[in-house]
């Protein structure tokens, strides 16, 4: 539920998890946003995260026209 502002840029790093208590058994490998950013870069697009800690997170994808 939400990502602290200081952690948002880190979420695009390989294997990074905001919640250090999570393990592979509880979900996620920490690769999803890294892969998404790589795909957006290949398409000359942009990916942005807007998050309110404790509330929600929104991921926006921008593609060139």
PDB file of N, CA and C in Angstrom:
ATOM      1  N   UNK A   1       0.836  -1.189   0.000  1.00  0.00           N
ATOM      2  CA  UNK A   1       0.000   0.000   0.000  1.00  0.00           C
ATOM      3  C   UNK A   1       0.874   1.243   0.000  1.00  0.00           C
ATOM      4  N   UNK A   2       1.231   1.689  -1.168  1.00  0.00           N
ATOM      5  CA  UNK A   2       2.013   2.904  -1.283  1.00  0.00           C
ATOM      6  C   UNK A   2       3.498   2.670  -1.076  1.00  0.00           C
ATOM      7  N   UNK A   3       4.283   3.521  -1.701  1.00  0.00           N
ATOM      8  CA  UNK A   3       5.736   3.428  -1.645  1.00  0.00           C
ATOM      9  C   UNK A   3       6.255   4.743  -1.083  1.00  0.00           C
ATOM     10  N   UNK A   4       7.168   4.693  -0.107  1.00  0.00           N
ATOM     11  CA  UNK A   4       7.749   5.939   0.399  1.00  0.00           C
ATOM     12  C   UNK A   4       8.453   6.699  -0.732  1.00  0.00           C
ATOM     13  N   UNK A   5       8.366   8.025  -0.737  1.00  0.00           N
ATOM     14  CA  UNK A   5       8.936   8.846  -1.805  1.00  0.00           C
ATOM     15  C   UNK A   5      10.418   8.540  -2.046  1.00  0.00           C
ATOM     16  N   UNK A   6      11.176   8.312  -1.006  1.00  0.00           N
ATOM     17  CA  UNK A   6      12.600   8.042  -1.146  1.00  0.00           C
ATOM     18  C   UNK A   6      12.923   6.706  -1.782  1.00  0.00           C
ATOM     19  N   UNK A   7      11.935   5.834  -1.920  1.00  0.00           N
ATOM     20  CA  UNK A   7      12.139   4.498  -2.455  1.00  0.00           C
ATOM     21  C   UNK A   7      11.708   4.353  -3.915  1.00  0.00           C
ATOM     22  N   UNK A   8      10.976   5.324  -4.451  1.00  0.00           N
ATOM     23  CA  UNK A   8      10.368   5.175  -5.779  1.00  0.00           C
ATOM     24  C   UNK A   8      11.398   4.897  -6.866  1.00  0.00           C
ATOM     25  N   UNK A   9      12.480   5.667  -6.940  1.00  0.00           N
ATOM     26  CA  UNK A   9      13.479   5.439  -7.994  1.00  0.00           C
ATOM     27  C   UNK A   9      14.141   4.072  -7.860  1.00  0.00           C
ATOM     28  N   UNK A  10      14.288   3.583  -6.627  1.00  0.00           N
ATOM     29  CA  UNK A  10      14.905   2.273  -6.400  1.00  0.00           C
ATOM     30  C   UNK A  10      14.063   1.125  -6.941  1.00  0.00           C
ATOM     31  N   UNK A  11      12.758   1.334  -7.054  1.00  0.00           N
ATOM     32  CA  UNK A  11      11.878   0.241  -7.475  1.00  0.00           C
ATOM     33  C   UNK A  11      12.164  -0.245  -8.889  1.00  0.00           C
ATOM     34  N   UNK A  12      12.889   0.546  -9.683  1.00  0.00           N
ATOM     35  CA  UNK A  12      13.230   0.145 -11.053  1.00  0.00           C
ATOM     36  C   UNK A  12      14.519  -0.678 -11.115  1.00  0.00           C
ATOM     37  N   UNK A  13      15.211  -0.835  -9.984  1.00  0.00           N
ATOM     38  CA  UNK A  13      16.442  -1.615  -9.951  1.00  0.00           C
ATOM     39  C   UNK A  13      16.098  -3.107  -9.895  1.00  0.00           C
ATOM     40  N   UNK A  14      16.937  -3.926 -10.525  1.00  0.00           N
ATOM     41  CA  UNK A  14      16.712  -5.371 -10.515  1.00  0.00           C
ATOM     42  C   UNK A  14      16.727  -5.910  -9.091  1.00  0.00           C
ATOM     43  N   UNK A  15      15.781  -6.780  -8.805  1.00  0.00           N
ATOM     44  CA  UNK A  15      15.656  -7.507  -7.539  1.00  0.00           C
ATOM     45  C   UNK A  15      15.357  -6.612  -6.333  1.00  0.00           C
ATOM     46  N   UNK A  16      14.986  -5.365  -6.567  1.00  0.00           N
ATOM     47  CA  UNK A  16      14.698  -4.459  -5.455  1.00  0.00           C
ATOM     48  C   UNK A  16      13.273  -4.676  -4.954  1.00  0.00           C
ATOM     49  N   UNK A  17      13.132  -4.709  -3.643  1.00  0.00           N
ATOM     50  CA  UNK A  17      11.813  -4.805  -3.014  1.00  0.00           C
ATOM     51  C   UNK A  17      11.715  -3.751  -1.939  1.00  0.00           C
ATOM     52  N   UNK A  18      10.641  -2.995  -1.949  1.00  0.00           N
ATOM     53  CA  UNK A  18      10.454  -1.958  -0.944  1.00  0.00           C
ATOM     54  C   UNK A  18      10.291  -2.607   0.424  1.00  0.00           C
ATOM     55  N   UNK A  19       9.468  -3.648   0.490  1.00  0.00           N
ATOM     56  CA  UNK A  19       9.206  -4.348   1.748  1.00  0.00           C
ATOM     57  C   UNK A  19      10.242  -5.445   1.921  1.00  0.00           C
ATOM     58  N   UNK A  20      11.222  -5.204   2.788  1.00  0.00           N
ATOM     59  CA  UNK A  20      12.307  -6.172   3.000  1.00  0.00           C
ATOM     60  C   UNK A  20      11.821  -7.477   3.635  1.00  0.00           C
ATOM     61  N   UNK A  21      10.629  -7.458   4.219  1.00  0.00           N
ATOM     62  CA  UNK A  21      10.092  -8.648   4.864  1.00  0.00           C
ATOM     63  C   UNK A  21       9.542  -9.654   3.855  1.00  0.00           C
ATOM     64  N   UNK A  22       9.324  -9.207   2.600  1.00  0.00           N
ATOM     65  CA  UNK A  22       8.768 -10.108   1.585  1.00  0.00           C
ATOM     66  C   UNK A  22       9.831 -11.077   1.110  1.00  0.00           C
ATOM     67  N   UNK A  23       9.389 -12.271   0.782  1.00  0.00           N
ATOM     68  CA  UNK A  23      10.296 -13.282   0.251  1.00  0.00           C
ATOM     69  C   UNK A  23       9.680 -13.837  -1.030  1.00  0.00           C
ATOM     70  N   UNK A  24      10.401 -14.702  -1.706  1.00  0.00           N
ATOM     71  CA  UNK A  24       9.869 -15.285  -2.937  1.00  0.00           C
ATOM     72  C   UNK A  24       8.576 -16.043  -2.666  1.00  0.00           C
ATOM     73  N   UNK A  25       8.447 -16.599  -1.476  1.00  0.00           N
ATOM     74  CA  UNK A  25       7.245 -17.360  -1.139  1.00  0.00           C
ATOM     75  C   UNK A  25       6.023 -16.447  -1.040  1.00  0.00           C
ATOM     76  N   UNK A  26       6.224 -15.188  -0.638  1.00  0.00           N
ATOM     77  CA  UNK A  26       5.085 -14.286  -0.472  1.00  0.00           C
ATOM     78  C   UNK A  26       4.820 -13.456  -1.718  1.00  0.00           C
ATOM     79  N   UNK A  27       5.620 -13.653  -2.758  1.00  0.00           N
ATOM     80  CA  UNK A  27       5.324 -13.006  -4.027  1.00  0.00           C
ATOM     81  C   UNK A  27       6.379 -12.044  -4.522  1.00  0.00           C
ATOM     82  N   UNK A  28       6.621 -12.129  -5.815  1.00  0.00           N
ATOM     83  CA  UNK A  28       7.509 -11.191  -6.479  1.00  0.00           C
ATOM     84  C   UNK A  28       8.974 -11.551  -6.420  1.00  0.00           C
ATOM     85  N   UNK A  29       9.651 -11.246  -7.516  1.00  0.00           N
ATOM     86  CA  UNK A  29      11.096 -11.485  -7.572  1.00  0.00           C
ATOM     87  C   UNK A  29      11.860 -10.169  -7.616  1.00  0.00           C
ATOM     88  N   UNK A  30      11.140  -9.059  -7.724  1.00  0.00           N
ATOM     89  CA  UNK A  30      11.791  -7.764  -7.801  1.00  0.00           C
ATOM     90  C   UNK A  30      12.262  -7.422  -9.208  1.00  0.00           C
ATOM     91  N   UNK A  31      11.704  -8.067 -10.207  1.00  0.00           N
ATOM     92  CA  UNK A  31      12.117  -7.821 -11.592  1.00  0.00           C
ATOM     93  C   UNK A  31      11.070  -7.088 -12.424  1.00  0.00           C
ATOM     94  N   UNK A  32       9.832  -7.104 -12.015  1.00  0.00           N
ATOM     95  CA  UNK A  32       8.734  -6.590 -12.839  1.00  0.00           C
ATOM     96  C   UNK A  32       8.900  -5.168 -13.319  1.00  0.00           C
ATOM     97  N   UNK A  33       9.157  -4.222 -12.415  1.00  0.00           N
ATOM     98  CA  UNK A  33       9.277  -2.827 -12.828  1.00  0.00           C
ATOM     99  C   UNK A  33      10.562  -2.577 -13.597  1.00  0.00           C
ATOM    100  N   UNK A  34      11.608  -3.333 -13.309  1.00  0.00           N
ATOM    101  CA  UNK A  34      12.850  -3.210 -14.081  1.00  0.00           C
ATOM    102  C   UNK A  34      12.597  -3.622 -15.536  1.00  0.00           C
ATOM    103  N   UNK A  35      11.905  -4.719 -15.726  1.00  0.00           N
ATOM    104  CA  UNK A  35      11.579  -5.192 -17.075  1.00  0.00           C
ATOM    105  C   UNK A  35      10.658  -4.192 -17.772  1.00  0.00           C
ATOM    106  N   UNK A  36       9.652  -3.702 -17.063  1.00  0.00           N
ATOM    107  CA  UNK A  36       8.721  -2.730 -17.643  1.00  0.00           C
ATOM    108  C   UNK A  36       9.454  -1.469 -18.097  1.00  0.00           C
ATOM    109  N   UNK A  37      10.383  -0.975 -17.280  1.00  0.00           N
ATOM    110  CA  UNK A  37      11.134   0.223 -17.658  1.00  0.00           C
ATOM    111  C   UNK A  37      12.012  -0.049 -18.884  1.00  0.00           C
ATOM    112  N   UNK A  38      12.606  -1.237 -18.951  1.00  0.00           N
ATOM    113  CA  UNK A  38      13.436  -1.598 -20.110  1.00  0.00           C
ATOM    114  C   UNK A  38      12.603  -1.640 -21.390  1.00  0.00           C
ATOM    115  N   UNK A  39      11.407  -2.188 -21.312  1.00  0.00           N
ATOM    116  CA  UNK A  39      10.517  -2.255 -22.474  1.00  0.00           C
ATOM    117  C   UNK A  39      10.105  -0.848 -22.903  1.00  0.00           C
ATOM    118  N   UNK A  40       9.760  -0.007 -21.936  1.00  0.00           N
ATOM    119  CA  UNK A  40       9.374   1.367 -22.265  1.00  0.00           C
ATOM    120  C   UNK A  40      10.525   2.114 -22.928  1.00  0.00           C
ATOM    121  N   UNK A  41      11.726   1.891 -22.455  1.00  0.00           N
ATOM    122  CA  UNK A  41      12.899   2.538 -23.031  1.00  0.00           C
ATOM    123  C   UNK A  41      13.093   2.108 -24.491  1.00  0.00           C
ATOM    124  N   UNK A  42      12.887   0.832 -24.779  1.00  0.00           N
ATOM    125  CA  UNK A  42      13.007   0.330 -26.149  1.00  0.00           C
ATOM    126  C   UNK A  42      11.990   0.975 -27.087  1.00  0.00           C
ATOM    127  N   UNK A  43      10.849   1.330 -26.541  1.00  0.00           N
ATOM    128  CA  UNK A  43       9.781   1.961 -27.322  1.00  0.00           C
ATOM    129  C   UNK A  43       9.836   3.492 -27.239  1.00  0.00           C
ATOM    130  N   UNK A  44      10.929   3.998 -26.672  1.00  0.00           N
ATOM    131  CA  UNK A  44      11.123   5.441 -26.498  1.00  0.00           C
ATOM    132  C   UNK A  44      10.002   6.074 -25.663  1.00  0.00           C
ATOM    133  N   UNK A  45       9.510   5.293 -24.720  1.00  0.00           N
ATOM    134  CA  UNK A  45       8.461   5.763 -23.827  1.00  0.00           C
ATOM    135  C   UNK A  45       9.014   6.045 -22.447  1.00  0.00           C
ATOM    136  N   UNK A  46       8.117   6.276 -21.533  1.00  0.00           N
ATOM    137  CA  UNK A  46       8.498   6.632 -20.181  1.00  0.00           C
ATOM    138  C   UNK A  46       7.543   5.955 -19.199  1.00  0.00           C
ATOM    139  N   UNK A  47       8.055   5.594 -18.047  1.00  0.00           N
ATOM    140  CA  UNK A  47       7.226   5.005 -16.997  1.00  0.00           C
ATOM    141  C   UNK A  47       7.419   5.836 -15.734  1.00  0.00           C
ATOM    142  N   UNK A  48       6.318   6.180 -15.083  1.00  0.00           N
ATOM    143  CA  UNK A  48       6.375   6.990 -13.866  1.00  0.00           C
ATOM    144  C   UNK A  48       5.525   6.340 -12.787  1.00  0.00           C
ATOM    145  N   UNK A  49       5.974   6.495 -11.565  1.00  0.00           N
ATOM    146  CA  UNK A  49       5.233   5.980 -10.412  1.00  0.00           C
ATOM    147  C   UNK A  49       4.781   7.162  -9.578  1.00  0.00           C
ATOM    148  N   UNK A  50       3.498   7.165  -9.259  1.00  0.00           N
ATOM    149  CA  UNK A  50       2.920   8.161  -8.360  1.00  0.00           C
ATOM    150  C   UNK A  50       2.375   7.370  -7.172  1.00  0.00           C
ATOM    151  N   UNK A  51       2.870   7.687  -5.993  1.00  0.00           N
ATOM    152  CA  UNK A  51       2.501   6.878  -4.841  1.00  0.00           C
ATOM    153  C   UNK A  51       2.279   7.728  -3.604  1.00  0.00           C
ATOM    154  N   UNK A  52       1.310   7.309  -2.814  1.00  0.00           N
ATOM    155  CA  UNK A  52       1.047   7.901  -1.508  1.00  0.00           C
ATOM    156  C   UNK A  52       1.232   6.789  -0.487  1.00  0.00           C
ATOM    157  N   UNK A  53       2.257   6.930   0.331  1.00  0.00           N
ATOM    158  CA  UNK A  53       2.571   5.883   1.306  1.00  0.00           C
ATOM    159  C   UNK A  53       1.360   5.597   2.194  1.00  0.00           C
ATOM    160  N   UNK A  54       1.050   4.317   2.333  1.00  0.00           N
ATOM    161  CA  UNK A  54      -0.076   3.898   3.138  1.00  0.00           C
ATOM    162  C   UNK A  54      -1.415   4.001   2.437  1.00  0.00           C
ATOM    163  N   UNK A  55      -1.429   4.515   1.196  1.00  0.00           N
ATOM    164  CA  UNK A  55      -2.695   4.694   0.482  1.00  0.00           C
ATOM    165  C   UNK A  55      -2.716   3.845  -0.787  1.00  0.00           C
ATOM    166  N   UNK A  56      -1.973   4.273  -1.821  1.00  0.00           N
ATOM    167  CA  UNK A  56      -1.981   3.522  -3.079  1.00  0.00           C
ATOM    168  C   UNK A  56      -0.787   3.897  -3.945  1.00  0.00           C
ATOM    169  N   UNK A  57      -0.634   3.174  -5.038  1.00  0.00           N
ATOM    170  CA  UNK A  57       0.426   3.427  -6.007  1.00  0.00           C
ATOM    171  C   UNK A  57      -0.171   3.359  -7.397  1.00  0.00           C
ATOM    172  N   UNK A  58       0.222   4.306  -8.232  1.00  0.00           N
ATOM    173  CA  UNK A  58      -0.237   4.358  -9.615  1.00  0.00           C
ATOM    174  C   UNK A  58       0.995   4.349 -10.510  1.00  0.00           C
ATOM    175  N   UNK A  59       0.988   3.472 -11.517  1.00  0.00           N
ATOM    176  CA  UNK A  59       2.076   3.401 -12.479  1.00  0.00           C
ATOM    177  C   UNK A  59       1.528   3.895 -13.808  1.00  0.00           C
ATOM    178  N   UNK A  60       2.189   4.913 -14.363  1.00  0.00           N
ATOM    179  CA  UNK A  60       1.733   5.494 -15.640  1.00  0.00           C
ATOM    180  C   UNK A  60       2.751   5.205 -16.730  1.00  0.00           C
ATOM    181  N   UNK A  61       2.231   4.817 -17.887  1.00  0.00           N
ATOM    182  CA  UNK A  61       3.067   4.542 -19.051  1.00  0.00           C
ATOM    183  C   UNK A  61       2.797   5.602 -20.102  1.00  0.00           C
ATOM    184  N   UNK A  62       3.867   6.178 -20.640  1.00  0.00           N
ATOM    185  CA  UNK A  62       3.748   7.212 -21.667  1.00  0.00           C
ATOM    186  C   UNK A  62       4.449   6.724 -22.934  1.00  0.00           C
ATOM    187  N   UNK A  63       3.691   6.632 -24.024  1.00  0.00           N
ATOM    188  CA  UNK A  63       4.237   6.218 -25.310  1.00  0.00           C
ATOM    189  C   UNK A  63       4.293   7.420 -26.244  1.00  0.00           C
ATOM    190  N   UNK A  64       5.342   7.531 -27.051  1.00  0.00           N
ATOM    191  CA  UNK A  64       5.391   8.638 -28.009  1.00  0.00           C
ATOM    192  C   UNK A  64       4.345   8.429 -29.104  1.00  0.00           C
ATOM    193  N   UNK A  65       3.842   9.522 -29.614  1.00  0.00           N
ATOM    194  CA  UNK A  65       2.832   9.424 -30.679  1.00  0.00           C
ATOM    195  C   UNK A  65       3.531   9.426 -32.014  1.00  0.00           C
TER     196      UNK A  65
END
